[in-house]
Amino acid sequence: MRIAVIGIVIEKDRSASVAVNEILSQYGDYIIGRMGIPNHESDVYVISVIVKASNEIISAMTGKLGRIQNVNVKSAVTNVEI
């Protein structure tokens, strides 16, 4: 298990947040913390998620999130093993 930070940016249409939240709920057992910052003026919504999971689980989660329209995802996986 590794610690990772996943950055999620939702652009244009906030309705993508429903699909994002469904996926985050599926992986809820691995989520340590989460913070969301809305920017209503520019229609950009940023979510940062801290997870403790295997590389495979992190890749699966970010892959599913990245396939959602108007969603950009980046992850930073640490070398810290727990």
PDB file of N, CA and C in Angstrom:
ATOM      1  N   MET A   1       0.848  -1.183   0.000  1.00  0.00           N
ATOM      2  CA  MET A   1       0.000   0.000   0.000  1.00  0.00           C
ATOM      3  C   MET A   1       0.888   1.238   0.000  1.00  0.00           C
ATOM      4  N   ARG A   2       0.485   2.221  -0.780  1.00  0.00           N
ATOM      5  CA  ARG A   2       1.228   3.474  -0.883  1.00  0.00           C
ATOM      6  C   ARG A   2       0.286   4.650  -0.609  1.00  0.00           C
ATOM      7  N   ILE A   3       0.893   5.758  -0.248  1.00  0.00           N
ATOM      8  CA  ILE A   3       0.143   7.005  -0.097  1.00  0.00           C
ATOM      9  C   ILE A   3       0.213   7.740  -1.429  1.00  0.00           C
ATOM     10  N   ALA A   4      -0.928   8.251  -1.889  1.00  0.00           N
ATOM     11  CA  ALA A   4      -0.979   8.997  -3.141  1.00  0.00           C
ATOM     12  C   ALA A   4      -1.910  10.191  -2.992  1.00  0.00           C
ATOM     13  N   VAL A   5      -1.635  11.212  -3.791  1.00  0.00           N
ATOM     14  CA  VAL A   5      -2.505  12.376  -3.880  1.00  0.00           C
ATOM     15  C   VAL A   5      -3.083  12.380  -5.290  1.00  0.00           C
ATOM     16  N   ILE A   6      -4.387  12.454  -5.377  1.00  0.00           N
ATOM     17  CA  ILE A   6      -5.066  12.480  -6.669  1.00  0.00           C
ATOM     18  C   ILE A   6      -5.737  13.834  -6.816  1.00  0.00           C
ATOM     19  N   GLY A   7      -5.393  14.544  -7.877  1.00  0.00           N
ATOM     20  CA  GLY A   7      -6.002  15.833  -8.178  1.00  0.00           C
ATOM     21  C   GLY A   7      -7.030  15.669  -9.280  1.00  0.00           C
ATOM     22  N   ILE A   8      -8.236  16.148  -9.030  1.00  0.00           N
ATOM     23  CA  ILE A   8      -9.342  16.026  -9.988  1.00  0.00           C
ATOM     24  C   ILE A   8      -9.836  17.429 -10.312  1.00  0.00           C
ATOM     25  N   VAL A   9      -9.878  17.770 -11.601  1.00  0.00           N
ATOM     26  CA  VAL A   9     -10.398  19.070 -12.032  1.00  0.00           C
ATOM     27  C   VAL A   9     -11.599  18.819 -12.934  1.00  0.00           C
ATOM     28  N   ILE A  10     -12.739  19.373 -12.538  1.00  0.00           N
ATOM     29  CA  ILE A  10     -13.968  19.270 -13.323  1.00  0.00           C
ATOM     30  C   ILE A  10     -14.177  20.626 -13.984  1.00  0.00           C
ATOM     31  N   GLU A  11     -14.299  20.607 -15.319  1.00  0.00           N
ATOM     32  CA  GLU A  11     -14.465  21.850 -16.071  1.00  0.00           C
ATOM     33  C   GLU A  11     -15.854  21.931 -16.696  1.00  0.00           C
ATOM     34  N   LYS A  12     -16.297  23.143 -16.931  1.00  0.00           N
ATOM     35  CA  LYS A  12     -17.487  23.480 -17.710  1.00  0.00           C
ATOM     36  C   LYS A  12     -18.789  23.043 -17.066  1.00  0.00           C
ATOM     37  N   ASP A  13     -19.005  21.747 -16.981  1.00  0.00           N
ATOM     38  CA  ASP A  13     -20.300  21.223 -16.568  1.00  0.00           C
ATOM     39  C   ASP A  13     -20.183  20.503 -15.232  1.00  0.00           C
ATOM     40  N   ARG A  14     -20.781  21.049 -14.221  1.00  0.00           N
ATOM     41  CA  ARG A  14     -20.668  20.472 -12.882  1.00  0.00           C
ATOM     42  C   ARG A  14     -21.369  19.112 -12.766  1.00  0.00           C
ATOM     43  N   SER A  15     -22.189  18.765 -13.747  1.00  0.00           N
ATOM     44  CA  SER A  15     -22.914  17.492 -13.664  1.00  0.00           C
ATOM     45  C   SER A  15     -21.961  16.296 -13.664  1.00  0.00           C
ATOM     46  N   ALA A  16     -20.729  16.463 -14.126  1.00  0.00           N
ATOM     47  CA  ALA A  16     -19.747  15.382 -14.079  1.00  0.00           C
ATOM     48  C   ALA A  16     -19.420  15.006 -12.639  1.00  0.00           C
ATOM     49  N   SER A  17     -19.688  15.904 -11.697  1.00  0.00           N
ATOM     50  CA  SER A  17     -19.373  15.623 -10.298  1.00  0.00           C
ATOM     51  C   SER A  17     -20.182  14.440  -9.760  1.00  0.00           C
ATOM     52  N   VAL A  18     -21.335  14.172 -10.328  1.00  0.00           N
ATOM     53  CA  VAL A  18     -22.136  13.023  -9.897  1.00  0.00           C
ATOM     54  C   VAL A  18     -21.376  11.734 -10.182  1.00  0.00           C
ATOM     55  N   ALA A  19     -20.839  11.605 -11.405  1.00  0.00           N
ATOM     56  CA  ALA A  19     -20.069  10.414 -11.775  1.00  0.00           C
ATOM     57  C   ALA A  19     -18.778  10.327 -10.966  1.00  0.00           C
ATOM     58  N   VAL A  20     -18.131  11.473 -10.731  1.00  0.00           N
ATOM     59  CA  VAL A  20     -16.897  11.493  -9.933  1.00  0.00           C
ATOM     60  C   VAL A  20     -17.188  10.987  -8.528  1.00  0.00           C
ATOM     61  N   ASN A  21     -18.247  11.474  -7.916  1.00  0.00           N
ATOM     62  CA  ASN A  21     -18.583  11.062  -6.556  1.00  0.00           C
ATOM     63  C   ASN A  21     -18.965   9.587  -6.469  1.00  0.00           C
ATOM     64  N   GLU A  22     -19.585   9.059  -7.514  1.00  0.00           N
ATOM     65  CA  GLU A  22     -19.913   7.628  -7.525  1.00  0.00           C
ATOM     66  C   GLU A  22     -18.638   6.789  -7.492  1.00  0.00           C
ATOM     67  N   ILE A  23     -17.653   7.187  -8.303  1.00  0.00           N
ATOM     68  CA  ILE A  23     -16.391   6.444  -8.336  1.00  0.00           C
ATOM     69  C   ILE A  23     -15.649   6.586  -7.014  1.00  0.00           C
ATOM     70  N   LEU A  24     -15.606   7.796  -6.473  1.00  0.00           N
ATOM     71  CA  LEU A  24     -14.944   7.995  -5.184  1.00  0.00           C
ATOM     72  C   LEU A  24     -15.616   7.164  -4.095  1.00  0.00           C
ATOM     73  N   SER A  25     -16.922   7.012  -4.158  1.00  0.00           N
ATOM     74  CA  SER A  25     -17.631   6.187  -3.184  1.00  0.00           C
ATOM     75  C   SER A  25     -17.248   4.715  -3.322  1.00  0.00           C
ATOM     76  N   GLN A  26     -17.064   4.258  -4.561  1.00  0.00           N
ATOM     77  CA  GLN A  26     -16.660   2.870  -4.793  1.00  0.00           C
ATOM     78  C   GLN A  26     -15.307   2.569  -4.141  1.00  0.00           C
ATOM     79  N   TYR A  27     -14.438   3.577  -4.100  1.00  0.00           N
ATOM     80  CA  TYR A  27     -13.090   3.410  -3.553  1.00  0.00           C
ATOM     81  C   TYR A  27     -12.957   4.040  -2.160  1.00  0.00           C
ATOM     82  N   GLY A  28     -14.081   4.253  -1.508  1.00  0.00           N
ATOM     83  CA  GLY A  28     -14.098   4.929  -0.214  1.00  0.00           C
ATOM     84  C   GLY A  28     -13.241   4.290   0.863  1.00  0.00           C
ATOM     85  N   ASP A  29     -13.059   2.985   0.806  1.00  0.00           N
ATOM     86  CA  ASP A  29     -12.250   2.295   1.819  1.00  0.00           C
ATOM     87  C   ASP A  29     -10.777   2.701   1.755  1.00  0.00           C
ATOM     88  N   TYR A  30     -10.351   3.236   0.624  1.00  0.00           N
ATOM     89  CA  TYR A  30      -8.941   3.617   0.443  1.00  0.00           C
ATOM     90  C   TYR A  30      -8.690   5.105   0.661  1.00  0.00           C
ATOM     91  N   ILE A  31      -9.755   5.889   0.755  1.00  0.00           N
ATOM     92  CA  ILE A  31      -9.620   7.346   0.865  1.00  0.00           C
ATOM     93  C   ILE A  31      -9.359   7.739   2.309  1.00  0.00           C
ATOM     94  N   ILE A  32      -8.263   8.486   2.505  1.00  0.00           N
ATOM     95  CA  ILE A  32      -7.901   8.976   3.832  1.00  0.00           C
ATOM     96  C   ILE A  32      -8.514  10.356   4.063  1.00  0.00           C
ATOM     97  N   GLY A  33      -8.490  11.197   3.020  1.00  0.00           N
ATOM     98  CA  GLY A  33      -9.020  12.543   3.142  1.00  0.00           C
ATOM     99  C   GLY A  33      -9.383  13.106   1.782  1.00  0.00           C
ATOM    100  N   ARG A  34     -10.210  14.145   1.814  1.00  0.00           N
ATOM    101  CA  ARG A  34     -10.707  14.731   0.573  1.00  0.00           C
ATOM    102  C   ARG A  34     -11.026  16.194   0.816  1.00  0.00           C
ATOM    103  N   MET A  35     -10.712  17.035  -0.181  1.00  0.00           N
ATOM    104  CA  MET A  35     -11.043  18.456  -0.083  1.00  0.00           C
ATOM    105  C   MET A  35     -11.510  18.939  -1.446  1.00  0.00           C
ATOM    106  N   GLY A  36     -12.599  19.659  -1.482  1.00  0.00           N
ATOM    107  CA  GLY A  36     -13.119  20.202  -2.734  1.00  0.00           C
ATOM    108  C   GLY A  36     -13.161  21.714  -2.694  1.00  0.00           C
ATOM    109  N   ILE A  37     -12.739  22.328  -3.789  1.00  0.00           N
ATOM    110  CA  ILE A  37     -12.740  23.785  -3.900  1.00  0.00           C
ATOM    111  C   ILE A  37     -13.511  24.175  -5.163  1.00  0.00           C
ATOM    112  N   PRO A  38     -14.680  24.800  -5.031  1.00  0.00           N
ATOM    113  CA  PRO A  38     -15.417  25.230  -6.217  1.00  0.00           C
ATOM    114  C   PRO A  38     -15.001  26.644  -6.634  1.00  0.00           C
ATOM    115  N   ASN A  39     -14.932  26.875  -7.932  1.00  0.00           N
ATOM    116  CA  ASN A  39     -14.716  28.225  -8.458  1.00  0.00           C
ATOM    117  C   ASN A  39     -15.861  28.486  -9.424  1.00  0.00           C
ATOM    118  N   HIS A  40     -16.953  29.006  -8.897  1.00  0.00           N
ATOM    119  CA  HIS A  40     -18.181  29.166  -9.665  1.00  0.00           C
ATOM    120  C   HIS A  40     -18.022  30.159 -10.807  1.00  0.00           C
ATOM    121  N   GLU A  41     -17.196  31.186 -10.629  1.00  0.00           N
ATOM    122  CA  GLU A  41     -17.041  32.211 -11.671  1.00  0.00           C
ATOM    123  C   GLU A  41     -16.480  31.632 -12.960  1.00  0.00           C
ATOM    124  N   SER A  42     -15.547  30.679 -12.845  1.00  0.00           N
ATOM    125  CA  SER A  42     -14.921  30.116 -14.040  1.00  0.00           C
ATOM    126  C   SER A  42     -15.391  28.688 -14.338  1.00  0.00           C
ATOM    127  N   ASP A  43     -16.379  28.209 -13.604  1.00  0.00           N
ATOM    128  CA  ASP A  43     -16.894  26.847 -13.785  1.00  0.00           C
ATOM    129  C   ASP A  43     -15.793  25.791 -13.733  1.00  0.00           C
ATOM    130  N   VAL A  44     -14.911  25.914 -12.754  1.00  0.00           N
ATOM    131  CA  VAL A  44     -13.863  24.929 -12.520  1.00  0.00           C
ATOM    132  C   VAL A  44     -13.982  24.478 -11.070  1.00  0.00           C
ATOM    133  N   TYR A  45     -13.989  23.168 -10.877  1.00  0.00           N
ATOM    134  CA  TYR A  45     -14.139  22.594  -9.547  1.00  0.00           C
ATOM    135  C   TYR A  45     -12.975  21.646  -9.313  1.00  0.00           C
ATOM    136  N   VAL A  46     -12.257  21.839  -8.211  1.00  0.00           N
ATOM    137  CA  VAL A  46     -11.052  21.065  -7.934  1.00  0.00           C
ATOM    138  C   VAL A  46     -11.281  20.205  -6.695  1.00  0.00           C
ATOM    139  N   ILE A  47     -10.918  18.937  -6.808  1.00  0.00           N
ATOM    140  CA  ILE A  47     -11.008  18.012  -5.681  1.00  0.00           C
ATOM    141  C   ILE A  47      -9.642  17.367  -5.501  1.00  0.00           C
ATOM    142  N   SER A  48      -9.132  17.394  -4.277  1.00  0.00           N
ATOM    143  CA  SER A  48      -7.901  16.656  -3.986  1.00  0.00           C
ATOM    144  C   SER A  48      -8.261  15.509  -3.045  1.00  0.00           C
ATOM    145  N   VAL A  49      -7.715  14.340  -3.367  1.00  0.00           N
ATOM    146  CA  VAL A  49      -8.036  13.133  -2.614  1.00  0.00           C
ATOM    147  C   VAL A  49      -6.731  12.472  -2.184  1.00  0.00           C
ATOM    148  N   ILE A  50      -6.626  12.139  -0.909  1.00  0.00           N
ATOM    149  CA  ILE A  50      -5.473  11.410  -0.385  1.00  0.00           C
ATOM    150  C   ILE A  50      -5.917   9.959  -0.208  1.00  0.00           C
ATOM    151  N   VAL A  51      -5.152   9.031  -0.797  1.00  0.00           N
ATOM    152  CA  VAL A  51      -5.516   7.621  -0.698  1.00  0.00           C
ATOM    153  C   VAL A  51      -4.355   6.795  -0.177  1.00  0.00           C
ATOM    154  N   LYS A  52      -4.697   5.674   0.435  1.00  0.00           N
ATOM    155  CA  LYS A  52      -3.732   4.660   0.844  1.00  0.00           C
ATOM    156  C   LYS A  52      -4.175   3.379   0.159  1.00  0.00           C
ATOM    157  N   ALA A  53      -3.427   2.991  -0.903  1.00  0.00           N
ATOM    158  CA  ALA A  53      -3.851   1.845  -1.706  1.00  0.00           C
ATOM    159  C   ALA A  53      -2.670   1.296  -2.496  1.00  0.00           C
ATOM    160  N   SER A  54      -2.881   0.166  -3.142  1.00  0.00           N
ATOM    161  CA  SER A  54      -1.853  -0.404  -4.016  1.00  0.00           C
ATOM    162  C   SER A  54      -1.806   0.391  -5.318  1.00  0.00           C
ATOM    163  N   ASN A  55      -0.703   0.245  -6.051  1.00  0.00           N
ATOM    164  CA  ASN A  55      -0.574   0.925  -7.341  1.00  0.00           C
ATOM    165  C   ASN A  55      -1.709   0.530  -8.283  1.00  0.00           C
ATOM    166  N   GLU A  56      -2.119  -0.717  -8.247  1.00  0.00           N
ATOM    167  CA  GLU A  56      -3.176  -1.206  -9.125  1.00  0.00           C
ATOM    168  C   GLU A  56      -4.511  -0.515  -8.833  1.00  0.00           C
ATOM    169  N   ILE A  57      -4.819  -0.362  -7.564  1.00  0.00           N
ATOM    170  CA  ILE A  57      -6.077   0.285  -7.186  1.00  0.00           C
ATOM    171  C   ILE A  57      -6.038   1.765  -7.546  1.00  0.00           C
ATOM    172  N   ILE A  58      -4.916   2.417  -7.293  1.00  0.00           N
ATOM    173  CA  ILE A  58      -4.780   3.838  -7.645  1.00  0.00           C
ATOM    174  C   ILE A  58      -4.949   4.017  -9.151  1.00  0.00           C
ATOM    175  N   SER A  59      -4.317   3.158  -9.938  1.00  0.00           N
ATOM    176  CA  SER A  59      -4.430   3.236 -11.400  1.00  0.00           C
ATOM    177  C   SER A  59      -5.853   2.986 -11.865  1.00  0.00           C
ATOM    178  N   ALA A  60      -6.524   2.012 -11.268  1.00  0.00           N
ATOM    179  CA  ALA A  60      -7.906   1.717 -11.648  1.00  0.00           C
ATOM    180  C   ALA A  60      -8.817   2.905 -11.352  1.00  0.00           C
ATOM    181  N   MET A  61      -8.651   3.500 -10.179  1.00  0.00           N
ATOM    182  CA  MET A  61      -9.489   4.632  -9.798  1.00  0.00           C
ATOM    183  C   MET A  61      -9.248   5.832 -10.703  1.00  0.00           C
ATOM    184  N   THR A  62      -7.981   6.181 -10.929  1.00  0.00           N
ATOM    185  CA  THR A  62      -7.685   7.345 -11.775  1.00  0.00           C
ATOM    186  C   THR A  62      -8.089   7.086 -13.224  1.00  0.00           C
ATOM    187  N   GLY A  63      -7.983   5.836 -13.666  1.00  0.00           N
ATOM    188  CA  GLY A  63      -8.423   5.507 -15.027  1.00  0.00           C
ATOM    189  C   GLY A  63      -9.908   5.728 -15.208  1.00  0.00           C
ATOM    190  N   LYS A  64     -10.699   5.265 -14.244  1.00  0.00           N
ATOM    191  CA  LYS A  64     -12.153   5.460 -14.315  1.00  0.00           C
ATOM    192  C   LYS A  64     -12.509   6.941 -14.264  1.00  0.00           C
ATOM    193  N   LEU A  65     -11.847   7.682 -13.374  1.00  0.00           N
ATOM    194  CA  LEU A  65     -12.120   9.118 -13.266  1.00  0.00           C
ATOM    195  C   LEU A  65     -11.744   9.841 -14.551  1.00  0.00           C
ATOM    196  N   GLY A  66     -10.628   9.463 -15.147  1.00  0.00           N
ATOM    197  CA  GLY A  66     -10.146  10.130 -16.349  1.00  0.00           C
ATOM    198  C   GLY A  66     -11.010   9.907 -17.576  1.00  0.00           C
ATOM    199  N   ARG A  67     -11.852   8.871 -17.555  1.00  0.00           N
ATOM    200  CA  ARG A  67     -12.735   8.609 -18.691  1.00  0.00           C
ATOM    201  C   ARG A  67     -14.021   9.432 -18.655  1.00  0.00           C
ATOM    202  N   ILE A  68     -14.243  10.162 -17.578  1.00  0.00           N
ATOM    203  CA  ILE A  68     -15.443  10.997 -17.468  1.00  0.00           C
ATOM    204  C   ILE A  68     -15.215  12.282 -18.267  1.00  0.00           C
ATOM    205  N   GLN A  69     -16.205  12.645 -19.070  1.00  0.00           N
ATOM    206  CA  GLN A  69     -16.102  13.858 -19.887  1.00  0.00           C
ATOM    207  C   GLN A  69     -15.975  15.099 -19.000  1.00  0.00           C
ATOM    208  N   ASN A  70     -15.113  16.028 -19.395  1.00  0.00           N
ATOM    209  CA  ASN A  70     -14.840  17.295 -18.694  1.00  0.00           C
ATOM    210  C   ASN A  70     -14.113  17.105 -17.371  1.00  0.00           C
ATOM    211  N   VAL A  71     -13.475  15.943 -17.181  1.00  0.00           N
ATOM    212  CA  VAL A  71     -12.722  15.672 -15.954  1.00  0.00           C
ATOM    213  C   VAL A  71     -11.264  15.399 -16.320  1.00  0.00           C
ATOM    214  N   ASN A  72     -10.354  16.100 -15.641  1.00  0.00           N
ATOM    215  CA  ASN A  72      -8.917  15.868 -15.779  1.00  0.00           C
ATOM    216  C   ASN A  72      -8.401  15.338 -14.451  1.00  0.00           C
ATOM    217  N   VAL A  73      -7.531  14.330 -14.522  1.00  0.00           N
ATOM    218  CA  VAL A  73      -7.023  13.675 -13.312  1.00  0.00           C
ATOM    219  C   VAL A  73      -5.517  13.527 -13.393  1.00  0.00           C
ATOM    220  N   LYS A  74      -4.860  13.816 -12.295  1.00  0.00           N
ATOM    221  CA  LYS A  74      -3.425  13.565 -12.162  1.00  0.00           C
ATOM    222  C   LYS A  74      -3.188  12.948 -10.789  1.00  0.00           C
ATOM    223  N   SER A  75      -2.231  12.038 -10.723  1.00  0.00           N
ATOM    224  CA  SER A  75      -1.920  11.443  -9.423  1.00  0.00           C
ATOM    225  C   SER A  75      -0.426  11.534  -9.157  1.00  0.00           C
ATOM    226  N   ALA A  76      -0.098  11.648  -7.896  1.00  0.00           N
ATOM    227  CA  ALA A  76       1.271  11.628  -7.426  1.00  0.00           C
ATOM    228  C   ALA A  76       1.356  10.525  -6.395  1.00  0.00           C
ATOM    229  N   VAL A  77       2.075   9.468  -6.749  1.00  0.00           N
ATOM    230  CA  VAL A  77       2.201   8.309  -5.867  1.00  0.00           C
ATOM    231  C   VAL A  77       3.557   8.391  -5.180  1.00  0.00           C
ATOM    232  N   THR A  78       3.555   8.297  -3.860  1.00  0.00           N
ATOM    233  CA  THR A  78       4.798   8.380  -3.105  1.00  0.00           C
ATOM    234  C   THR A  78       5.496   7.026  -3.059  1.00  0.00           C
ATOM    235  N   ASN A  79       6.718   7.034  -2.609  1.00  0.00           N
ATOM    236  CA  ASN A  79       7.470   5.791  -2.392  1.00  0.00           C
ATOM    237  C   ASN A  79       7.211   5.206  -1.014  1.00  0.00           C
ATOM    238  N   VAL A  80       6.420   5.899  -0.215  1.00  0.00           N
ATOM    239  CA  VAL A  80       6.127   5.448   1.140  1.00  0.00           C
ATOM    240  C   VAL A  80       5.220   4.234   1.088  1.00  0.00           C
ATOM    241  N   GLU A  81       5.693   3.120   1.628  1.00  0.00           N
ATOM    242  CA  GLU A  81       4.881   1.919   1.692  1.00  0.00           C
ATOM    243  C   GLU A  81       4.381   1.717   3.116  1.00  0.00           C
ATOM    244  N   ILE A  82       3.116   1.381   3.225  1.00  0.00           N
ATOM    245  CA  ILE A  82       2.498   1.208   4.535  1.00  0.00           C
ATOM    246  C   ILE A  82       1.961  -0.204   4.633  1.00  0.00           C
TER     247      ILE A  82
END
